């Protein structure tokens, strides 16, 4: 058996981050280290480390970990950002890019970026435009392997973090998913556990290149991890 791969998780307190930590428990081929700005509970039985630091010191923290791969699940919501475009961009673009640059400088070969369905640098919607812009900026860093995950509506326990319309969308998703066809299929709902498994597998992949995964491709990547469970 090969040595476990040292994977840094940034954005551990969100839905995907917490699910990545839970999923990693069953995969000894991954040695997970989480980097957060505040204390966060670790799943029971998790074999991992957690570093807590102010984002201003994350560059030094990434360098100290010297990860072989990074999973970036950073992101805020329009409400959390106070409905302020600059505050939203500061997290979903600037902080994500700062993490990617630090990862590149630290020698990380793989970078997994959790983005969003519909991300496009020229999108009319501000949220999707920022997601697309940071995808393009991270791609310019030329990691050995870059996996961009573009999931649709995420299903999973967020507690009180859900917006009312988002909660309604999840409840209705078994029906509405059927109407999302063709180019809209990527916006169908997807279980956070599938996205987390795909992120972990992306961190383990050896093939070089830039790979963009919609819902169907995320499912395929996740199944590759399941084969090593």
C-alpha atoms as a PDB file:
ATOM      1  CA  UNK A   1       0.000   0.000   0.000  1.00  0.00           C
ATOM      2  CA  UNK A   2       1.313   3.473  -0.864  1.00  0.00           C
ATOM      3  CA  UNK A   3       1.869   6.109   1.806  1.00  0.00           C
ATOM      4  CA  UNK A   4      -1.137   8.304   2.652  1.00  0.00           C
ATOM      5  CA  UNK A   5      -1.345  11.499   0.631  1.00  0.00           C
ATOM      6  CA  UNK A   6      -1.104  14.697   2.678  1.00  0.00           C
ATOM      7  CA  UNK A   7      -4.183  16.742   1.768  1.00  0.00           C
ATOM      8  CA  UNK A   8      -4.973  20.214   3.088  1.00  0.00           C
ATOM      9  CA  UNK A   9      -8.654  21.120   3.389  1.00  0.00           C
ATOM     10  CA  UNK A  10      -9.509  24.839   3.410  1.00  0.00           C
ATOM     11  CA  UNK A  11     -13.120  25.708   4.141  1.00  0.00           C
ATOM     12  CA  UNK A  12     -13.729  22.980   6.709  1.00  0.00           C
ATOM     13  CA  UNK A  13     -16.685  24.651   8.435  1.00  0.00           C
ATOM     14  CA  UNK A  14     -19.066  24.619   5.453  1.00  0.00           C
ATOM     15  CA  UNK A  15     -21.256  21.797   4.192  1.00  0.00           C
ATOM     16  CA  UNK A  16     -18.685  20.371   1.769  1.00  0.00           C
ATOM     17  CA  UNK A  17     -15.784  20.845   4.179  1.00  0.00           C
ATOM     18  CA  UNK A  18     -17.472  19.038   7.061  1.00  0.00           C
ATOM     19  CA  UNK A  19     -18.567  16.262   4.716  1.00  0.00           C
ATOM     20  CA  UNK A  20     -15.014  15.891   3.380  1.00  0.00           C
ATOM     21  CA  UNK A  21     -13.804  15.369   6.959  1.00  0.00           C
ATOM     22  CA  UNK A  22     -16.483  12.753   7.588  1.00  0.00           C
ATOM     23  CA  UNK A  23     -15.779  10.954   4.324  1.00  0.00           C
ATOM     24  CA  UNK A  24     -12.007  10.913   4.856  1.00  0.00           C
ATOM     25  CA  UNK A  25     -12.412   8.760   7.978  1.00  0.00           C
ATOM     26  CA  UNK A  26     -12.963   5.697   5.810  1.00  0.00           C
ATOM     27  CA  UNK A  27     -10.007   6.335   3.512  1.00  0.00           C
ATOM     28  CA  UNK A  28      -6.574   5.643   5.030  1.00  0.00           C
ATOM     29  CA  UNK A  29      -4.889   6.680   1.769  1.00  0.00           C
ATOM     30  CA  UNK A  30      -5.597  10.323   2.700  1.00  0.00           C
ATOM     31  CA  UNK A  31      -3.949  12.148   5.603  1.00  0.00           C
ATOM     32  CA  UNK A  32      -6.176  15.183   6.067  1.00  0.00           C
ATOM     33  CA  UNK A  33      -5.182  18.508   7.611  1.00  0.00           C
ATOM     34  CA  UNK A  34      -7.872  21.190   7.933  1.00  0.00           C
ATOM     35  CA  UNK A  35      -7.145  24.914   7.993  1.00  0.00           C
ATOM     36  CA  UNK A  36      -9.834  27.153   9.483  1.00  0.00           C
ATOM     37  CA  UNK A  37     -10.254  30.664  10.834  1.00  0.00           C
ATOM     38  CA  UNK A  38     -12.130  29.427  13.920  1.00  0.00           C
ATOM     39  CA  UNK A  39     -12.414  26.275  16.016  1.00  0.00           C
ATOM     40  CA  UNK A  40     -14.587  23.640  14.387  1.00  0.00           C
ATOM     41  CA  UNK A  41     -15.691  20.222  15.619  1.00  0.00           C
ATOM     42  CA  UNK A  42     -13.991  17.233  14.023  1.00  0.00           C
ATOM     43  CA  UNK A  43     -15.990  14.089  13.238  1.00  0.00           C
ATOM     44  CA  UNK A  44     -15.753  11.359  15.854  1.00  0.00           C
ATOM     45  CA  UNK A  45     -12.988   8.935  14.987  1.00  0.00           C
ATOM     46  CA  UNK A  46     -11.391  11.286  12.454  1.00  0.00           C
ATOM     47  CA  UNK A  47      -7.675  10.711  11.887  1.00  0.00           C
ATOM     48  CA  UNK A  48      -6.676  14.241  11.032  1.00  0.00           C
ATOM     49  CA  UNK A  49      -5.237  17.534  12.258  1.00  0.00           C
ATOM     50  CA  UNK A  50      -6.810  20.974  12.411  1.00  0.00           C
ATOM     51  CA  UNK A  51      -4.964  24.282  12.286  1.00  0.00           C
ATOM     52  CA  UNK A  52      -6.710  27.490  13.393  1.00  0.00           C
ATOM     53  CA  UNK A  53      -5.307  30.766  12.095  1.00  0.00           C
ATOM     54  CA  UNK A  54      -6.403  34.187  10.929  1.00  0.00           C
ATOM     55  CA  UNK A  55      -6.677  34.252   7.116  1.00  0.00           C
ATOM     56  CA  UNK A  56      -3.840  36.766   7.067  1.00  0.00           C
ATOM     57  CA  UNK A  57      -1.560  33.991   8.268  1.00  0.00           C
ATOM     58  CA  UNK A  58      -2.860  31.241   6.032  1.00  0.00           C
ATOM     59  CA  UNK A  59       0.075  31.545   3.643  1.00  0.00           C
ATOM     60  CA  UNK A  60       2.487  30.603   6.404  1.00  0.00           C
ATOM     61  CA  UNK A  61       0.178  27.800   7.548  1.00  0.00           C
ATOM     62  CA  UNK A  62      -0.011  26.311   4.058  1.00  0.00           C
ATOM     63  CA  UNK A  63       3.778  26.469   3.776  1.00  0.00           C
ATOM     64  CA  UNK A  64       4.149  24.710   7.143  1.00  0.00           C
ATOM     65  CA  UNK A  65       1.809  21.880   6.123  1.00  0.00           C
ATOM     66  CA  UNK A  66       3.531  21.504   2.721  1.00  0.00           C
ATOM     67  CA  UNK A  67       0.553  19.587   1.317  1.00  0.00           C
ATOM     68  CA  UNK A  68       0.730  17.334  -1.707  1.00  0.00           C
ATOM     69  CA  UNK A  69      -2.832  18.348  -2.575  1.00  0.00           C
ATOM     70  CA  UNK A  70      -5.327  21.024  -1.516  1.00  0.00           C
ATOM     71  CA  UNK A  71      -9.114  20.903  -1.427  1.00  0.00           C
ATOM     72  CA  UNK A  72     -10.555  24.426  -1.408  1.00  0.00           C
ATOM     73  CA  UNK A  73     -14.179  24.481  -0.267  1.00  0.00           C
ATOM     74  CA  UNK A  74     -14.153  28.148   0.718  1.00  0.00           C
ATOM     75  CA  UNK A  75     -17.229  30.179   0.056  1.00  0.00           C
ATOM     76  CA  UNK A  76     -19.695  32.545   1.623  1.00  0.00           C
ATOM     77  CA  UNK A  77     -23.295  33.454   0.861  1.00  0.00           C
ATOM     78  CA  UNK A  78     -24.832  36.697  -0.259  1.00  0.00           C
ATOM     79  CA  UNK A  79     -26.496  37.013   3.154  1.00  0.00           C
ATOM     80  CA  UNK A  80     -23.311  36.245   5.120  1.00  0.00           C
ATOM     81  CA  UNK A  81     -21.490  38.878   3.084  1.00  0.00           C
ATOM     82  CA  UNK A  82     -24.071  41.454   4.138  1.00  0.00           C
ATOM     83  CA  UNK A  83     -25.293  41.651   0.534  1.00  0.00           C
ATOM     84  CA  UNK A  84     -22.083  43.535  -0.237  1.00  0.00           C
ATOM     85  CA  UNK A  85     -20.324  42.681  -3.496  1.00  0.00           C
ATOM     86  CA  UNK A  86     -16.860  43.613  -2.202  1.00  0.00           C
ATOM     87  CA  UNK A  87     -17.273  41.446   0.913  1.00  0.00           C
ATOM     88  CA  UNK A  88     -18.464  38.511  -1.166  1.00  0.00           C
ATOM     89  CA  UNK A  89     -15.598  38.851  -3.640  1.00  0.00           C
ATOM     90  CA  UNK A  90     -13.082  39.111  -0.787  1.00  0.00           C
ATOM     91  CA  UNK A  91     -13.873  35.530   0.214  1.00  0.00           C
ATOM     92  CA  UNK A  92     -15.000  33.743  -2.939  1.00  0.00           C
ATOM     93  CA  UNK A  93     -12.335  35.270  -5.164  1.00  0.00           C
ATOM     94  CA  UNK A  94      -9.517  36.952  -3.253  1.00  0.00           C
ATOM     95  CA  UNK A  95      -9.163  34.489  -0.377  1.00  0.00           C
ATOM     96  CA  UNK A  96      -9.576  31.455  -2.649  1.00  0.00           C
ATOM     97  CA  UNK A  97      -6.881  32.802  -4.976  1.00  0.00           C
ATOM     98  CA  UNK A  98      -4.568  33.573  -2.038  1.00  0.00           C
ATOM     99  CA  UNK A  99      -4.909  29.966  -0.858  1.00  0.00           C
ATOM    100  CA  UNK A 100      -4.208  28.680  -4.363  1.00  0.00           C
ATOM    101  CA  UNK A 101      -1.096  30.829  -4.691  1.00  0.00           C
ATOM    102  CA  UNK A 102       0.167  29.672  -1.294  1.00  0.00           C
ATOM    103  CA  UNK A 103      -0.493  26.058  -2.292  1.00  0.00           C
ATOM    104  CA  UNK A 104       1.441  26.501  -5.521  1.00  0.00           C
ATOM    105  CA  UNK A 105       4.367  28.086  -3.691  1.00  0.00           C
ATOM    106  CA  UNK A 106       4.322  25.245  -1.141  1.00  0.00           C
ATOM    107  CA  UNK A 107       4.683  22.699  -3.943  1.00  0.00           C
ATOM    108  CA  UNK A 108       1.185  21.197  -3.988  1.00  0.00           C
ATOM    109  CA  UNK A 109       0.684  19.118  -7.125  1.00  0.00           C
ATOM    110  CA  UNK A 110      -3.122  18.862  -7.001  1.00  0.00           C
ATOM    111  CA  UNK A 111      -5.671  21.585  -6.378  1.00  0.00           C
ATOM    112  CA  UNK A 112      -9.375  20.818  -6.080  1.00  0.00           C
ATOM    113  CA  UNK A 113     -11.674  23.841  -6.289  1.00  0.00           C
ATOM    114  CA  UNK A 114     -15.321  23.494  -5.278  1.00  0.00           C
ATOM    115  CA  UNK A 115     -17.126  25.967  -7.532  1.00  0.00           C
ATOM    116  CA  UNK A 116     -20.712  26.058  -8.790  1.00  0.00           C
ATOM    117  CA  UNK A 117     -22.851  24.976 -11.707  1.00  0.00           C
ATOM    118  CA  UNK A 118     -23.118  27.855 -14.157  1.00  0.00           C
ATOM    119  CA  UNK A 119     -19.801  29.457 -13.177  1.00  0.00           C
ATOM    120  CA  UNK A 120     -18.671  31.682 -16.029  1.00  0.00           C
ATOM    121  CA  UNK A 121     -16.323  34.663 -16.019  1.00  0.00           C
ATOM    122  CA  UNK A 122     -18.716  36.590 -18.268  1.00  0.00           C
ATOM    123  CA  UNK A 123     -21.954  35.550 -16.554  1.00  0.00           C
ATOM    124  CA  UNK A 124     -24.547  38.244 -15.908  1.00  0.00           C
ATOM    125  CA  UNK A 125     -25.211  36.965 -12.386  1.00  0.00           C
ATOM    126  CA  UNK A 126     -22.629  38.368  -9.967  1.00  0.00           C
ATOM    127  CA  UNK A 127     -22.304  35.117  -7.976  1.00  0.00           C
ATOM    128  CA  UNK A 128     -21.606  33.004 -11.050  1.00  0.00           C
ATOM    129  CA  UNK A 129     -19.300  35.644 -12.537  1.00  0.00           C
ATOM    130  CA  UNK A 130     -17.103  35.691  -9.407  1.00  0.00           C
ATOM    131  CA  UNK A 131     -16.974  31.887  -9.397  1.00  0.00           C
ATOM    132  CA  UNK A 132     -15.955  31.881 -13.044  1.00  0.00           C
ATOM    133  CA  UNK A 133     -13.335  34.579 -12.550  1.00  0.00           C
ATOM    134  CA  UNK A 134     -11.623  32.712  -9.707  1.00  0.00           C
ATOM    135  CA  UNK A 135     -11.674  29.478 -11.705  1.00  0.00           C
ATOM    136  CA  UNK A 136      -9.802  31.246 -14.495  1.00  0.00           C
ATOM    137  CA  UNK A 137      -7.339  32.852 -12.087  1.00  0.00           C
ATOM    138  CA  UNK A 138      -6.536  29.549 -10.361  1.00  0.00           C
ATOM    139  CA  UNK A 139      -6.095  27.829 -13.737  1.00  0.00           C
ATOM    140  CA  UNK A 140      -3.353  30.342 -14.616  1.00  0.00           C
ATOM    141  CA  UNK A 141      -1.262  29.036 -11.696  1.00  0.00           C
ATOM    142  CA  UNK A 142      -0.758  25.820 -13.674  1.00  0.00           C
ATOM    143  CA  UNK A 143      -0.981  23.162 -11.012  1.00  0.00           C
ATOM    144  CA  UNK A 144       0.094  19.683 -12.097  1.00  0.00           C
ATOM    145  CA  UNK A 145      -3.586  18.789 -11.774  1.00  0.00           C
ATOM    146  CA  UNK A 146      -6.559  21.104 -11.252  1.00  0.00           C
ATOM    147  CA  UNK A 147     -10.029  19.682 -10.619  1.00  0.00           C
ATOM    148  CA  UNK A 148     -12.898  22.168 -10.707  1.00  0.00           C
ATOM    149  CA  UNK A 149     -16.119  20.766  -9.256  1.00  0.00           C
ATOM    150  CA  UNK A 150     -19.299  22.503 -10.421  1.00  0.00           C
ATOM    151  CA  UNK A 151     -22.123  20.918  -8.399  1.00  0.00           C
ATOM    152  CA  UNK A 152     -25.740  21.945  -8.654  1.00  0.00           C
ATOM    153  CA  UNK A 153     -27.968  22.511  -5.603  1.00  0.00           C
ATOM    154  CA  UNK A 154     -26.240  20.856  -2.648  1.00  0.00           C
ATOM    155  CA  UNK A 155     -28.259  18.470  -0.512  1.00  0.00           C
ATOM    156  CA  UNK A 156     -27.058  18.003   3.063  1.00  0.00           C
ATOM    157  CA  UNK A 157     -27.386  19.299   6.635  1.00  0.00           C
ATOM    158  CA  UNK A 158     -26.528  22.992   6.860  1.00  0.00           C
ATOM    159  CA  UNK A 159     -28.541  23.719   9.985  1.00  0.00           C
ATOM    160  CA  UNK A 160     -29.809  27.293  10.094  1.00  0.00           C
ATOM    161  CA  UNK A 161     -27.499  28.401   7.287  1.00  0.00           C
ATOM    162  CA  UNK A 162     -30.025  27.611   4.591  1.00  0.00           C
ATOM    163  CA  UNK A 163     -31.961  30.391   2.946  1.00  0.00           C
ATOM    164  CA  UNK A 164     -35.756  29.814   2.840  1.00  0.00           C
ATOM    165  CA  UNK A 165     -35.812  29.512  -0.961  1.00  0.00           C
ATOM    166  CA  UNK A 166     -32.850  27.129  -0.843  1.00  0.00           C
ATOM    167  CA  UNK A 167     -34.620  24.895   1.685  1.00  0.00           C
ATOM    168  CA  UNK A 168     -37.708  24.927  -0.494  1.00  0.00           C
ATOM    169  CA  UNK A 169     -35.605  24.042  -3.528  1.00  0.00           C
ATOM    170  CA  UNK A 170     -34.146  21.003  -1.780  1.00  0.00           C
ATOM    171  CA  UNK A 171     -37.565  19.759  -0.698  1.00  0.00           C
ATOM    172  CA  UNK A 172     -38.854  20.160  -4.247  1.00  0.00           C
ATOM    173  CA  UNK A 173     -35.698  18.842  -5.948  1.00  0.00           C
ATOM    174  CA  UNK A 174     -36.984  15.281  -6.627  1.00  0.00           C
ATOM    175  CA  UNK A 175     -39.628  16.894  -8.828  1.00  0.00           C
ATOM    176  CA  UNK A 176     -37.763  19.906 -10.212  1.00  0.00           C
ATOM    177  CA  UNK A 177     -34.694  17.838 -11.142  1.00  0.00           C
ATOM    178  CA  UNK A 178     -36.823  16.064 -13.741  1.00  0.00           C
ATOM    179  CA  UNK A 179     -37.427  19.335 -15.556  1.00  0.00           C
ATOM    180  CA  UNK A 180     -33.750  20.300 -15.688  1.00  0.00           C
ATOM    181  CA  UNK A 181     -32.665  18.755 -18.967  1.00  0.00           C
ATOM    182  CA  UNK A 182     -30.089  19.390 -21.650  1.00  0.00           C
ATOM    183  CA  UNK A 183     -27.831  22.280 -20.722  1.00  0.00           C
ATOM    184  CA  UNK A 184     -29.683  22.725 -17.429  1.00  0.00           C
ATOM    185  CA  UNK A 185     -28.866  19.254 -16.099  1.00  0.00           C
ATOM    186  CA  UNK A 186     -25.855  20.605 -14.244  1.00  0.00           C
ATOM    187  CA  UNK A 187     -28.162  22.572 -11.933  1.00  0.00           C
ATOM    188  CA  UNK A 188     -29.861  19.435 -10.617  1.00  0.00           C
ATOM    189  CA  UNK A 189     -29.454  18.737  -6.910  1.00  0.00           C
ATOM    190  CA  UNK A 190     -26.582  16.564  -5.704  1.00  0.00           C
ATOM    191  CA  UNK A 191     -25.719  15.012  -2.347  1.00  0.00           C
ATOM    192  CA  UNK A 192     -22.854  16.751  -0.536  1.00  0.00           C
ATOM    193  CA  UNK A 193     -21.389  13.305   0.217  1.00  0.00           C
ATOM    194  CA  UNK A 194     -20.901  12.702  -3.492  1.00  0.00           C
ATOM    195  CA  UNK A 195     -19.145  16.056  -3.930  1.00  0.00           C
ATOM    196  CA  UNK A 196     -16.927  15.366  -0.906  1.00  0.00           C
ATOM    197  CA  UNK A 197     -15.921  11.956  -2.253  1.00  0.00           C
ATOM    198  CA  UNK A 198     -15.125  13.495  -5.642  1.00  0.00           C
ATOM    199  CA  UNK A 199     -13.000  16.192  -3.971  1.00  0.00           C
ATOM    200  CA  UNK A 200     -10.979  13.584  -2.071  1.00  0.00           C
ATOM    201  CA  UNK A 201     -10.469  11.515  -5.205  1.00  0.00           C
ATOM    202  CA  UNK A 202      -9.398  14.587  -7.173  1.00  0.00           C
ATOM    203  CA  UNK A 203      -6.746  15.195  -4.525  1.00  0.00           C
ATOM    204  CA  UNK A 204      -5.444  11.651  -5.134  1.00  0.00           C
ATOM    205  CA  UNK A 205      -5.443  11.582  -8.932  1.00  0.00           C
ATOM    206  CA  UNK A 206      -2.081  11.363 -10.708  1.00  0.00           C
ATOM    207  CA  UNK A 207      -2.985  12.349 -14.278  1.00  0.00           C
ATOM    208  CA  UNK A 208      -1.991  15.910 -15.157  1.00  0.00           C
ATOM    209  CA  UNK A 209      -4.297  18.560 -16.568  1.00  0.00           C
ATOM    210  CA  UNK A 210      -7.297  20.752 -15.864  1.00  0.00           C
ATOM    211  CA  UNK A 211     -10.577  18.928 -15.366  1.00  0.00           C
ATOM    212  CA  UNK A 212     -14.001  20.566 -15.010  1.00  0.00           C
ATOM    213  CA  UNK A 213     -16.684  18.322 -13.513  1.00  0.00           C
ATOM    214  CA  UNK A 214     -20.437  18.818 -13.766  1.00  0.00           C
ATOM    215  CA  UNK A 215     -22.832  16.715 -11.654  1.00  0.00           C
ATOM    216  CA  UNK A 216     -22.433  13.589 -13.790  1.00  0.00           C
ATOM    217  CA  UNK A 217     -18.634  13.840 -13.828  1.00  0.00           C
ATOM    218  CA  UNK A 218     -18.638  14.468 -10.063  1.00  0.00           C
ATOM    219  CA  UNK A 219     -20.523  11.195  -9.612  1.00  0.00           C
ATOM    220  CA  UNK A 220     -17.965   9.368 -11.760  1.00  0.00           C
ATOM    221  CA  UNK A 221     -15.036  10.795  -9.818  1.00  0.00           C
ATOM    222  CA  UNK A 222     -16.695   9.920  -6.506  1.00  0.00           C
ATOM    223  CA  UNK A 223     -17.143   6.297  -7.607  1.00  0.00           C
ATOM    224  CA  UNK A 224     -13.391   6.060  -8.127  1.00  0.00           C
ATOM    225  CA  UNK A 225     -12.862   6.850  -4.445  1.00  0.00           C
ATOM    226  CA  UNK A 226     -15.466   4.286  -3.421  1.00  0.00           C
ATOM    227  CA  UNK A 227     -13.371   1.664  -5.199  1.00  0.00           C
ATOM    228  CA  UNK A 228     -10.569   2.349  -2.718  1.00  0.00           C
ATOM    229  CA  UNK A 229     -12.734   2.315   0.430  1.00  0.00           C
END
